[in-house]
Amino acid sequence: VYLQMDNLRPEDTAVYYCASKRTILTVPPYIDAGSYEYWGQG
């Protein structure tokens, strides 16, 4: 999975983490961190 970041601003400075969760096909994207099962190191 990719995150293309354009027109970056100083306030975008951070450690960026990806997370994933097994889902069924029809669910919308999860926006709550607590919904995710697996996390990267950033």
ModelCIF file with pLDDT and N, C-alpha, C, O atoms, coordinates in Angstrom:
data_MODEL
#
_entry.id   MODEL 
#
_entity.id                         1 
_entity.type                       polymer 
_entity.pdbx_number_of_molecules   1 
#
_entity_poly.entity_id                      1 
_entity_poly.type                           'polypeptide(L)' 
_entity_poly.nstd_linkage                   no 
_entity_poly.nstd_monomer                   no 
_entity_poly.pdbx_seq_one_letter_code       VYLQMDNLRPEDTAVYYCASKRTILTVPPYIDAGSYEYWGQG 
_entity_poly.pdbx_seq_one_letter_code_can   VYLQMDNLRPEDTAVYYCASKRTILTVPPYIDAGSYEYWGQG 
_entity_poly.pdbx_strand_id                 A 
#
loop_
_entity_poly_seq.entity_id 
_entity_poly_seq.num 
_entity_poly_seq.mon_id 
_entity_poly_seq.hetero 
1 1  VAL n 
1 2  TYR n 
1 3  LEU n 
1 4  GLN n 
1 5  MET n 
1 6  ASP n 
1 7  ASN n 
1 8  LEU n 
1 9  ARG n 
1 10 PRO n 
1 11 GLU n 
1 12 ASP n 
1 13 THR n 
1 14 ALA n 
1 15 VAL n 
1 16 TYR n 
1 17 TYR n 
1 18 CYS n 
1 19 ALA n 
1 20 SER n 
1 21 LYS n 
1 22 ARG n 
1 23 THR n 
1 24 ILE n 
1 25 LEU n 
1 26 THR n 
1 27 VAL n 
1 28 PRO n 
1 29 PRO n 
1 30 TYR n 
1 31 ILE n 
1 32 ASP n 
1 33 ALA n 
1 34 GLY n 
1 35 SER n 
1 36 TYR n 
1 37 GLU n 
1 38 TYR n 
1 39 TRP n 
1 40 GLY n 
1 41 GLN n 
1 42 GLY n 
#
_struct_asym.id          A 
_struct_asym.entity_id   1 
#
loop_
_ma_qa_metric.id 
_ma_qa_metric.mode 
_ma_qa_metric.name 
_ma_qa_metric.software_group_id 
_ma_qa_metric.type 
1 global pLDDT . pLDDT 
2 local  pLDDT . pLDDT 
#
_ma_qa_metric_global.metric_id      1 
_ma_qa_metric_global.metric_value   94.50 
_ma_qa_metric_global.model_id       1 
_ma_qa_metric_global.ordinal_id     1 
#
loop_
_ma_qa_metric_local.label_asym_id 
_ma_qa_metric_local.label_comp_id 
_ma_qa_metric_local.label_seq_id 
_ma_qa_metric_local.metric_id 
_ma_qa_metric_local.metric_value 
_ma_qa_metric_local.model_id 
_ma_qa_metric_local.ordinal_id 
A VAL 1  2 97.00 1 1  
A TYR 2  2 98.00 1 2  
A LEU 3  2 98.00 1 3  
A GLN 4  2 98.00 1 4  
A MET 5  2 98.00 1 5  
A ASP 6  2 98.00 1 6  
A ASN 7  2 98.00 1 7  
A LEU 8  2 98.00 1 8  
A ARG 9  2 98.00 1 9  
A PRO 10 2 97.00 1 10 
A GLU 11 2 97.00 1 11 
A ASP 12 2 98.00 1 12 
A THR 13 2 98.00 1 13 
A ALA 14 2 98.00 1 14 
A VAL 15 2 98.00 1 15 
A TYR 16 2 98.00 1 16 
A TYR 17 2 98.00 1 17 
A CYS 18 2 97.00 1 18 
A ALA 19 2 97.00 1 19 
A SER 20 2 96.00 1 20 
A LYS 21 2 94.00 1 21 
A ARG 22 2 92.00 1 22 
A THR 23 2 89.00 1 23 
A ILE 24 2 85.00 1 24 
A LEU 25 2 79.00 1 25 
A THR 26 2 78.00 1 26 
A VAL 27 2 84.00 1 27 
A PRO 28 2 88.00 1 28 
A PRO 29 2 91.00 1 29 
A TYR 30 2 92.00 1 30 
A ILE 31 2 94.00 1 31 
A ASP 32 2 94.00 1 32 
A ALA 33 2 95.00 1 33 
A GLY 34 2 94.00 1 34 
A SER 35 2 93.00 1 35 
A TYR 36 2 96.00 1 36 
A GLU 37 2 95.00 1 37 
A TYR 38 2 95.00 1 38 
A TRP 39 2 97.00 1 39 
A GLY 40 2 97.00 1 40 
A GLN 41 2 97.00 1 41 
A GLY 42 2 97.00 1 42 
#
loop_
_atom_site.group_PDB 
_atom_site.id 
_atom_site.type_symbol 
_atom_site.label_atom_id 
_atom_site.label_alt_id 
_atom_site.label_comp_id 
_atom_site.label_asym_id 
_atom_site.label_entity_id 
_atom_site.label_seq_id 
_atom_site.pdbx_PDB_ins_code 
_atom_site.Cartn_x 
_atom_site.Cartn_y 
_atom_site.Cartn_z 
_atom_site.occupancy 
_atom_site.B_iso_or_equiv 
_atom_site.pdbx_formal_charge 
_atom_site.auth_seq_id 
_atom_site.auth_comp_id 
_atom_site.auth_asym_id 
_atom_site.auth_atom_id 
_atom_site.pdbx_PDB_model_num 
ATOM 1   N N  . VAL A 1 1  ? 0.865   -1.180 0.000  1.00 97.00 ? 1  VAL A N  1 
ATOM 2   C CA . VAL A 1 1  ? 0.000   0.000  0.000  1.00 97.00 ? 1  VAL A CA 1 
ATOM 3   C C  . VAL A 1 1  ? 0.902   1.230  0.000  1.00 97.00 ? 1  VAL A C  1 
ATOM 4   O O  . VAL A 1 1  ? 1.926   1.266  0.683  1.00 97.00 ? 1  VAL A O  1 
ATOM 5   N N  . TYR A 1 2  ? 0.508   2.224  -0.769 1.00 98.00 ? 2  TYR A N  1 
ATOM 6   C CA . TYR A 1 2  ? 1.303   3.440  -0.920 1.00 98.00 ? 2  TYR A CA 1 
ATOM 7   C C  . TYR A 1 2  ? 0.555   4.651  -0.354 1.00 98.00 ? 2  TYR A C  1 
ATOM 8   O O  . TYR A 1 2  ? -0.675  4.694  -0.328 1.00 98.00 ? 2  TYR A O  1 
ATOM 9   N N  . LEU A 1 3  ? 1.330   5.614  0.090  1.00 98.00 ? 3  LEU A N  1 
ATOM 10  C CA . LEU A 1 3  ? 0.775   6.911  0.456  1.00 98.00 ? 3  LEU A CA 1 
ATOM 11  C C  . LEU A 1 3  ? 1.603   7.963  -0.268 1.00 98.00 ? 3  LEU A C  1 
ATOM 12  O O  . LEU A 1 3  ? 2.738   8.256  0.108  1.00 98.00 ? 3  LEU A O  1 
ATOM 13  N N  . GLN A 1 4  ? 1.008   8.523  -1.315 1.00 98.00 ? 4  GLN A N  1 
ATOM 14  C CA . GLN A 1 4  ? 1.657   9.593  -2.067 1.00 98.00 ? 4  GLN A CA 1 
ATOM 15  C C  . GLN A 1 4  ? 1.340   10.915 -1.377 1.00 98.00 ? 4  GLN A C  1 
ATOM 16  O O  . GLN A 1 4  ? 0.175   11.268 -1.193 1.00 98.00 ? 4  GLN A O  1 
ATOM 17  N N  . MET A 1 5  ? 2.377   11.632 -1.002 1.00 98.00 ? 5  MET A N  1 
ATOM 18  C CA . MET A 1 5  ? 2.195   12.877 -0.254 1.00 98.00 ? 5  MET A CA 1 
ATOM 19  C C  . MET A 1 5  ? 2.759   14.031 -1.076 1.00 98.00 ? 5  MET A C  1 
ATOM 20  O O  . MET A 1 5  ? 3.964   14.111 -1.314 1.00 98.00 ? 5  MET A O  1 
ATOM 21  N N  . ASP A 1 6  ? 1.887   14.905 -1.495 1.00 98.00 ? 6  ASP A N  1 
ATOM 22  C CA . ASP A 1 6  ? 2.276   16.074 -2.302 1.00 98.00 ? 6  ASP A CA 1 
ATOM 23  C C  . ASP A 1 6  ? 2.026   17.358 -1.520 1.00 98.00 ? 6  ASP A C  1 
ATOM 24  O O  . ASP A 1 6  ? 1.269   17.382 -0.550 1.00 98.00 ? 6  ASP A O  1 
ATOM 25  N N  . ASN A 1 7  ? 2.683   18.423 -1.970 1.00 98.00 ? 7  ASN A N  1 
ATOM 26  C CA . ASN A 1 7  ? 2.527   19.727 -1.326 1.00 98.00 ? 7  ASN A CA 1 
ATOM 27  C C  . ASN A 1 7  ? 2.691   19.615 0.189  1.00 98.00 ? 7  ASN A C  1 
ATOM 28  O O  . ASN A 1 7  ? 1.860   20.099 0.958  1.00 98.00 ? 7  ASN A O  1 
ATOM 29  N N  . LEU A 1 8  ? 3.765   18.976 0.592  1.00 98.00 ? 8  LEU A N  1 
ATOM 30  C CA . LEU A 1 8  ? 3.993   18.728 2.011  1.00 98.00 ? 8  LEU A CA 1 
ATOM 31  C C  . LEU A 1 8  ? 4.232   20.022 2.779  1.00 98.00 ? 8  LEU A C  1 
ATOM 32  O O  . LEU A 1 8  ? 4.783   20.993 2.262  1.00 98.00 ? 8  LEU A O  1 
ATOM 33  N N  . ARG A 1 9  ? 3.801   19.993 4.022  1.00 98.00 ? 9  ARG A N  1 
ATOM 34  C CA . ARG A 1 9  ? 3.914   21.142 4.920  1.00 98.00 ? 9  ARG A CA 1 
ATOM 35  C C  . ARG A 1 9  ? 4.732   20.745 6.143  1.00 98.00 ? 9  ARG A C  1 
ATOM 36  O O  . ARG A 1 9  ? 4.812   19.560 6.463  1.00 98.00 ? 9  ARG A O  1 
ATOM 37  N N  . PRO A 1 10 ? 5.337   21.696 6.826  1.00 97.00 ? 10 PRO A N  1 
ATOM 38  C CA . PRO A 1 10 ? 6.087   21.355 8.046  1.00 97.00 ? 10 PRO A CA 1 
ATOM 39  C C  . PRO A 1 10 ? 5.240   20.619 9.071  1.00 97.00 ? 10 PRO A C  1 
ATOM 40  O O  . PRO A 1 10 ? 5.753   19.780 9.812  1.00 97.00 ? 10 PRO A O  1 
ATOM 41  N N  . GLU A 1 11 ? 3.958   20.920 9.121  1.00 97.00 ? 11 GLU A N  1 
ATOM 42  C CA . GLU A 1 11 ? 3.083   20.249 10.099 1.00 97.00 ? 11 GLU A CA 1 
ATOM 43  C C  . GLU A 1 11 ? 2.796   18.791 9.728  1.00 97.00 ? 11 GLU A C  1 
ATOM 44  O O  . GLU A 1 11 ? 2.162   18.080 10.506 1.00 97.00 ? 11 GLU A O  1 
ATOM 45  N N  . ASP A 1 12 ? 3.244   18.339 8.571  1.00 98.00 ? 12 ASP A N  1 
ATOM 46  C CA . ASP A 1 12 ? 3.132   16.926 8.202  1.00 98.00 ? 12 ASP A CA 1 
ATOM 47  C C  . ASP A 1 12 ? 4.269   16.108 8.795  1.00 98.00 ? 12 ASP A C  1 
ATOM 48  O O  . ASP A 1 12 ? 4.262   14.881 8.697  1.00 98.00 ? 12 ASP A O  1 
ATOM 49  N N  . THR A 1 13 ? 5.239   16.765 9.403  1.00 98.00 ? 13 THR A N  1 
ATOM 50  C CA . THR A 1 13 ? 6.368   16.064 10.015 1.00 98.00 ? 13 THR A CA 1 
ATOM 51  C C  . THR A 1 13 ? 5.886   15.136 11.117 1.00 98.00 ? 13 THR A C  1 
ATOM 52  O O  . THR A 1 13 ? 5.198   15.562 12.044 1.00 98.00 ? 13 THR A O  1 
ATOM 53  N N  . ALA A 1 14 ? 6.253   13.862 11.010 1.00 98.00 ? 14 ALA A N  1 
ATOM 54  C CA . ALA A 1 14 ? 5.799   12.850 11.973 1.00 98.00 ? 14 ALA A CA 1 
ATOM 55  C C  . ALA A 1 14 ? 6.406   11.504 11.598 1.00 98.00 ? 14 ALA A C  1 
ATOM 56  O O  . ALA A 1 14 ? 7.014   11.349 10.539 1.00 98.00 ? 14 ALA A O  1 
ATOM 57  N N  . VAL A 1 15 ? 6.228   10.546 12.484 1.00 98.00 ? 15 VAL A N  1 
ATOM 58  C CA . VAL A 1 15 ? 6.475   9.150  12.129 1.00 98.00 ? 15 VAL A CA 1 
ATOM 59  C C  . VAL A 1 15 ? 5.174   8.613  11.538 1.00 98.00 ? 15 VAL A C  1 
ATOM 60  O O  . VAL A 1 15 ? 4.106   8.743  12.136 1.00 98.00 ? 15 VAL A O  1 
ATOM 61  N N  . TYR A 1 16 ? 5.279   8.021  10.379 1.00 98.00 ? 16 TYR A N  1 
ATOM 62  C CA . TYR A 1 16 ? 4.110   7.490  9.685  1.00 98.00 ? 16 TYR A CA 1 
ATOM 63  C C  . TYR A 1 16 ? 4.066   5.971  9.848  1.00 98.00 ? 16 TYR A C  1 
ATOM 64  O O  . TYR A 1 16 ? 5.048   5.274  9.592  1.00 98.00 ? 16 TYR A O  1 
ATOM 65  N N  . TYR A 1 17 ? 2.910   5.479  10.278 1.00 98.00 ? 17 TYR A N  1 
ATOM 66  C CA . TYR A 1 17 ? 2.703   4.067  10.521 1.00 98.00 ? 17 TYR A CA 1 
ATOM 67  C C  . TYR A 1 17 ? 1.606   3.530  9.597  1.00 98.00 ? 17 TYR A C  1 
ATOM 68  O O  . TYR A 1 17 ? 0.612   4.208  9.336  1.00 98.00 ? 17 TYR A O  1 
ATOM 69  N N  . CYS A 1 18 ? 1.802   2.317  9.114  1.00 97.00 ? 18 CYS A N  1 
ATOM 70  C CA . CYS A 1 18 ? 0.694   1.656  8.449  1.00 97.00 ? 18 CYS A CA 1 
ATOM 71  C C  . CYS A 1 18 ? 0.140   0.576  9.368  1.00 97.00 ? 18 CYS A C  1 
ATOM 72  O O  . CYS A 1 18 ? 0.835   0.058  10.243 1.00 97.00 ? 18 CYS A O  1 
ATOM 73  N N  . ALA A 1 19 ? -1.113  0.255  9.149  1.00 97.00 ? 19 ALA A N  1 
ATOM 74  C CA . ALA A 1 19 ? -1.796  -0.740 9.959  1.00 97.00 ? 19 ALA A CA 1 
ATOM 75  C C  . ALA A 1 19 ? -2.759  -1.505 9.076  1.00 97.00 ? 19 ALA A C  1 
ATOM 76  O O  . ALA A 1 19 ? -3.244  -0.983 8.072  1.00 97.00 ? 19 ALA A O  1 
ATOM 77  N N  . SER A 1 20 ? -3.034  -2.744 9.453  1.00 96.00 ? 20 SER A N  1 
ATOM 78  C CA . SER A 1 20 ? -3.957  -3.528 8.636  1.00 96.00 ? 20 SER A CA 1 
ATOM 79  C C  . SER A 1 20 ? -4.866  -4.376 9.502  1.00 96.00 ? 20 SER A C  1 
ATOM 80  O O  . SER A 1 20 ? -4.589  -4.649 10.670 1.00 96.00 ? 20 SER A O  1 
ATOM 81  N N  . LYS A 1 21 ? -5.965  -4.781 8.881  1.00 94.00 ? 21 LYS A N  1 
ATOM 82  C CA . LYS A 1 21 ? -6.945  -5.628 9.554  1.00 94.00 ? 21 LYS A CA 1 
ATOM 83  C C  . LYS A 1 21 ? -7.655  -6.455 8.490  1.00 94.00 ? 21 LYS A C  1 
ATOM 84  O O  . LYS A 1 21 ? -8.056  -5.934 7.450  1.00 94.00 ? 21 LYS A O  1 
ATOM 85  N N  . ARG A 1 22 ? -7.804  -7.732 8.758  1.00 92.00 ? 22 ARG A N  1 
ATOM 86  C CA . ARG A 1 22 ? -8.552  -8.567 7.821  1.00 92.00 ? 22 ARG A CA 1 
ATOM 87  C C  . ARG A 1 22 ? -10.019 -8.140 7.845  1.00 92.00 ? 22 ARG A C  1 
ATOM 88  O O  . ARG A 1 22 ? -10.609 -7.969 8.912  1.00 92.00 ? 22 ARG A O  1 
ATOM 89  N N  . THR A 1 23 ? -10.598 -7.972 6.659  1.00 89.00 ? 23 THR A N  1 
ATOM 90  C CA . THR A 1 23 ? -11.972 -7.484 6.576  1.00 89.00 ? 23 THR A CA 1 
ATOM 91  C C  . THR A 1 23 ? -12.742 -8.273 5.531  1.00 89.00 ? 23 THR A C  1 
ATOM 92  O O  . THR A 1 23 ? -12.171 -9.018 4.735  1.00 89.00 ? 23 THR A O  1 
ATOM 93  N N  . ILE A 1 24 ? -14.068 -8.085 5.557  1.00 85.00 ? 24 ILE A N  1 
ATOM 94  C CA . ILE A 1 24 ? -14.879 -8.594 4.462  1.00 85.00 ? 24 ILE A CA 1 
ATOM 95  C C  . ILE A 1 24 ? -14.934 -7.539 3.373  1.00 85.00 ? 24 ILE A C  1 
ATOM 96  O O  . ILE A 1 24 ? -14.523 -6.398 3.582  1.00 85.00 ? 24 ILE A O  1 
ATOM 97  N N  . LEU A 1 25 ? -15.442 -7.924 2.211  1.00 79.00 ? 25 LEU A N  1 
ATOM 98  C CA . LEU A 1 25 ? -15.306 -7.072 1.038  1.00 79.00 ? 25 LEU A CA 1 
ATOM 99  C C  . LEU A 1 25 ? -16.087 -5.772 1.135  1.00 79.00 ? 25 LEU A C  1 
ATOM 100 O O  . LEU A 1 25 ? -15.676 -4.771 0.548  1.00 79.00 ? 25 LEU A O  1 
ATOM 101 N N  . THR A 1 26 ? -17.200 -5.757 1.856  1.00 78.00 ? 26 THR A N  1 
ATOM 102 C CA . THR A 1 26 ? -18.119 -4.623 1.772  1.00 78.00 ? 26 THR A CA 1 
ATOM 103 C C  . THR A 1 26 ? -17.929 -3.556 2.842  1.00 78.00 ? 26 THR A C  1 
ATOM 104 O O  . THR A 1 26 ? -18.646 -2.555 2.821  1.00 78.00 ? 26 THR A O  1 
ATOM 105 N N  . VAL A 1 27 ? -17.001 -3.725 3.771  1.00 84.00 ? 27 VAL A N  1 
ATOM 106 C CA . VAL A 1 27 ? -16.872 -2.722 4.823  1.00 84.00 ? 27 VAL A CA 1 
ATOM 107 C C  . VAL A 1 27 ? -16.157 -1.491 4.298  1.00 84.00 ? 27 VAL A C  1 
ATOM 108 O O  . VAL A 1 27 ? -15.305 -1.601 3.416  1.00 84.00 ? 27 VAL A O  1 
ATOM 109 N N  . PRO A 1 28 ? -16.491 -0.314 4.829  1.00 88.00 ? 28 PRO A N  1 
ATOM 110 C CA . PRO A 1 28 ? -15.800 0.915  4.432  1.00 88.00 ? 28 PRO A CA 1 
ATOM 111 C C  . PRO A 1 28 ? -14.411 0.979  5.068  1.00 88.00 ? 28 PRO A C  1 
ATOM 112 O O  . PRO A 1 28 ? -14.077 0.145  5.909  1.00 88.00 ? 28 PRO A O  1 
ATOM 113 N N  . PRO A 1 29 ? -13.611 1.951  4.677  1.00 91.00 ? 29 PRO A N  1 
ATOM 114 C CA . PRO A 1 29 ? -12.273 2.070  5.281  1.00 91.00 ? 29 PRO A CA 1 
ATOM 115 C C  . PRO A 1 29 ? -12.365 2.355  6.778  1.00 91.00 ? 29 PRO A C  1 
ATOM 116 O O  . PRO A 1 29 ? -13.235 3.104  7.222  1.00 91.00 ? 29 PRO A O  1 
ATOM 117 N N  . TYR A 1 30 ? -11.459 1.750  7.555  1.00 92.00 ? 30 TYR A N  1 
ATOM 118 C CA . TYR A 1 30 ? -11.424 2.016  8.988  1.00 92.00 ? 30 TYR A CA 1 
ATOM 119 C C  . TYR A 1 30 ? -10.598 3.260  9.266  1.00 92.00 ? 30 TYR A C  1 
ATOM 120 O O  . TYR A 1 30 ? -9.472  3.383  8.783  1.00 92.00 ? 30 TYR A O  1 
ATOM 121 N N  . ILE A 1 31 ? -11.151 4.182  10.042 1.00 94.00 ? 31 ILE A N  1 
ATOM 122 C CA . ILE A 1 31 ? -10.402 5.396  10.392 1.00 94.00 ? 31 ILE A CA 1 
ATOM 123 C C  . ILE A 1 31 ? -9.983  5.412  11.856 1.00 94.00 ? 31 ILE A C  1 
ATOM 124 O O  . ILE A 1 31 ? -9.247  6.298  12.291 1.00 94.00 ? 31 ILE A O  1 
ATOM 125 N N  . ASP A 1 32 ? -10.457 4.426  12.611 1.00 94.00 ? 32 ASP A N  1 
ATOM 126 C CA . ASP A 1 32 ? -10.148 4.347  14.035 1.00 94.00 ? 32 ASP A CA 1 
ATOM 127 C C  . ASP A 1 32 ? -8.946  3.430  14.234 1.00 94.00 ? 32 ASP A C  1 
ATOM 128 O O  . ASP A 1 32 ? -8.957  2.283  13.786 1.00 94.00 ? 32 ASP A O  1 
ATOM 129 N N  . ALA A 1 33 ? -7.901  3.934  14.908 1.00 95.00 ? 33 ALA A N  1 
ATOM 130 C CA . ALA A 1 33 ? -6.689  3.131  15.126 1.00 95.00 ? 33 ALA A CA 1 
ATOM 131 C C  . ALA A 1 33 ? -6.987  1.846  15.876 1.00 95.00 ? 33 ALA A C  1 
ATOM 132 O O  . ALA A 1 33 ? -6.339  0.825  15.642 1.00 95.00 ? 33 ALA A O  1 
ATOM 133 N N  . GLY A 1 34 ? -7.962  1.886  16.776 1.00 94.00 ? 34 GLY A N  1 
ATOM 134 C CA . GLY A 1 34 ? -8.306  0.719  17.561 1.00 94.00 ? 34 GLY A CA 1 
ATOM 135 C C  . GLY A 1 34 ? -8.906  -0.416 16.746 1.00 94.00 ? 34 GLY A C  1 
ATOM 136 O O  . GLY A 1 34 ? -9.016  -1.538 17.239 1.00 94.00 ? 34 GLY A O  1 
ATOM 137 N N  . SER A 1 35 ? -9.297  -0.141 15.504 1.00 93.00 ? 35 SER A N  1 
ATOM 138 C CA . SER A 1 35 ? -9.875  -1.177 14.648 1.00 93.00 ? 35 SER A CA 1 
ATOM 139 C C  . SER A 1 35 ? -8.819  -2.092 14.040 1.00 93.00 ? 35 SER A C  1 
ATOM 140 O O  . SER A 1 35 ? -9.145  -3.182 13.570 1.00 93.00 ? 35 SER A O  1 
ATOM 141 N N  . TYR A 1 36 ? -7.570  -1.668 14.043 1.00 96.00 ? 36 TYR A N  1 
ATOM 142 C CA . TYR A 1 36 ? -6.518  -2.385 13.332 1.00 96.00 ? 36 TYR A CA 1 
ATOM 143 C C  . TYR A 1 36 ? -5.823  -3.423 14.201 1.00 96.00 ? 36 TYR A C  1 
ATOM 144 O O  . TYR A 1 36 ? -5.662  -3.255 15.410 1.00 96.00 ? 36 TYR A O  1 
ATOM 145 N N  . GLU A 1 37 ? -5.414  -4.512 13.532 1.00 95.00 ? 37 GLU A N  1 
ATOM 146 C CA . GLU A 1 37 ? -4.780  -5.636 14.229 1.00 95.00 ? 37 GLU A CA 1 
ATOM 147 C C  . GLU A 1 37 ? -3.263  -5.609 14.157 1.00 95.00 ? 37 GLU A C  1 
ATOM 148 O O  . GLU A 1 37 ? -2.582  -5.971 15.116 1.00 95.00 ? 37 GLU A O  1 
ATOM 149 N N  . TYR A 1 38 ? -2.738  -5.181 13.018 1.00 95.00 ? 38 TYR A N  1 
ATOM 150 C CA . TYR A 1 38 ? -1.306  -5.273 12.783 1.00 95.00 ? 38 TYR A CA 1 
ATOM 151 C C  . TYR A 1 38 ? -0.745  -3.889 12.478 1.00 95.00 ? 38 TYR A C  1 
ATOM 152 O O  . TYR A 1 38 ? -1.373  -3.077 11.799 1.00 95.00 ? 38 TYR A O  1 
ATOM 153 N N  . TRP A 1 39 ? 0.448   -3.646 12.998 1.00 97.00 ? 39 TRP A N  1 
ATOM 154 C CA . TRP A 1 39 ? 1.084   -2.342 12.834 1.00 97.00 ? 39 TRP A CA 1 
ATOM 155 C C  . TRP A 1 39 ? 2.541   -2.513 12.409 1.00 97.00 ? 39 TRP A C  1 
ATOM 156 O O  . TRP A 1 39 ? 3.218   -3.464 12.799 1.00 97.00 ? 39 TRP A O  1 
ATOM 157 N N  . GLY A 1 40 ? 2.999   -1.560 11.596 1.00 97.00 ? 40 GLY A N  1 
ATOM 158 C CA . GLY A 1 40 ? 4.412   -1.509 11.260 1.00 97.00 ? 40 GLY A CA 1 
ATOM 159 C C  . GLY A 1 40 ? 5.177   -0.705 12.296 1.00 97.00 ? 40 GLY A C  1 
ATOM 160 O O  . GLY A 1 40 ? 4.604   -0.194 13.258 1.00 97.00 ? 40 GLY A O  1 
ATOM 161 N N  . GLN A 1 41 ? 6.481   -0.601 12.081 1.00 97.00 ? 41 GLN A N  1 
ATOM 162 C CA . GLN A 1 41 ? 7.356   0.102  13.021 1.00 97.00 ? 41 GLN A CA 1 
ATOM 163 C C  . GLN A 1 41 ? 7.433   1.600  12.739 1.00 97.00 ? 41 GLN A C  1 
ATOM 164 O O  . GLN A 1 41 ? 7.904   2.362  13.583 1.00 97.00 ? 41 GLN A O  1 
ATOM 165 N N  . GLY A 1 42 ? 6.988   2.020  11.591 1.00 97.00 ? 42 GLY A N  1 
ATOM 166 C CA . GLY A 1 42 ? 6.966   3.446  11.285 1.00 97.00 ? 42 GLY A CA 1 
ATOM 167 C C  . GLY A 1 42 ? 8.140   3.910  10.448 1.00 97.00 ? 42 GLY A C  1 
ATOM 168 O O  . GLY A 1 42 ? 8.237   5.094  10.122 1.00 97.00 ? 42 GLY A O  1 
#
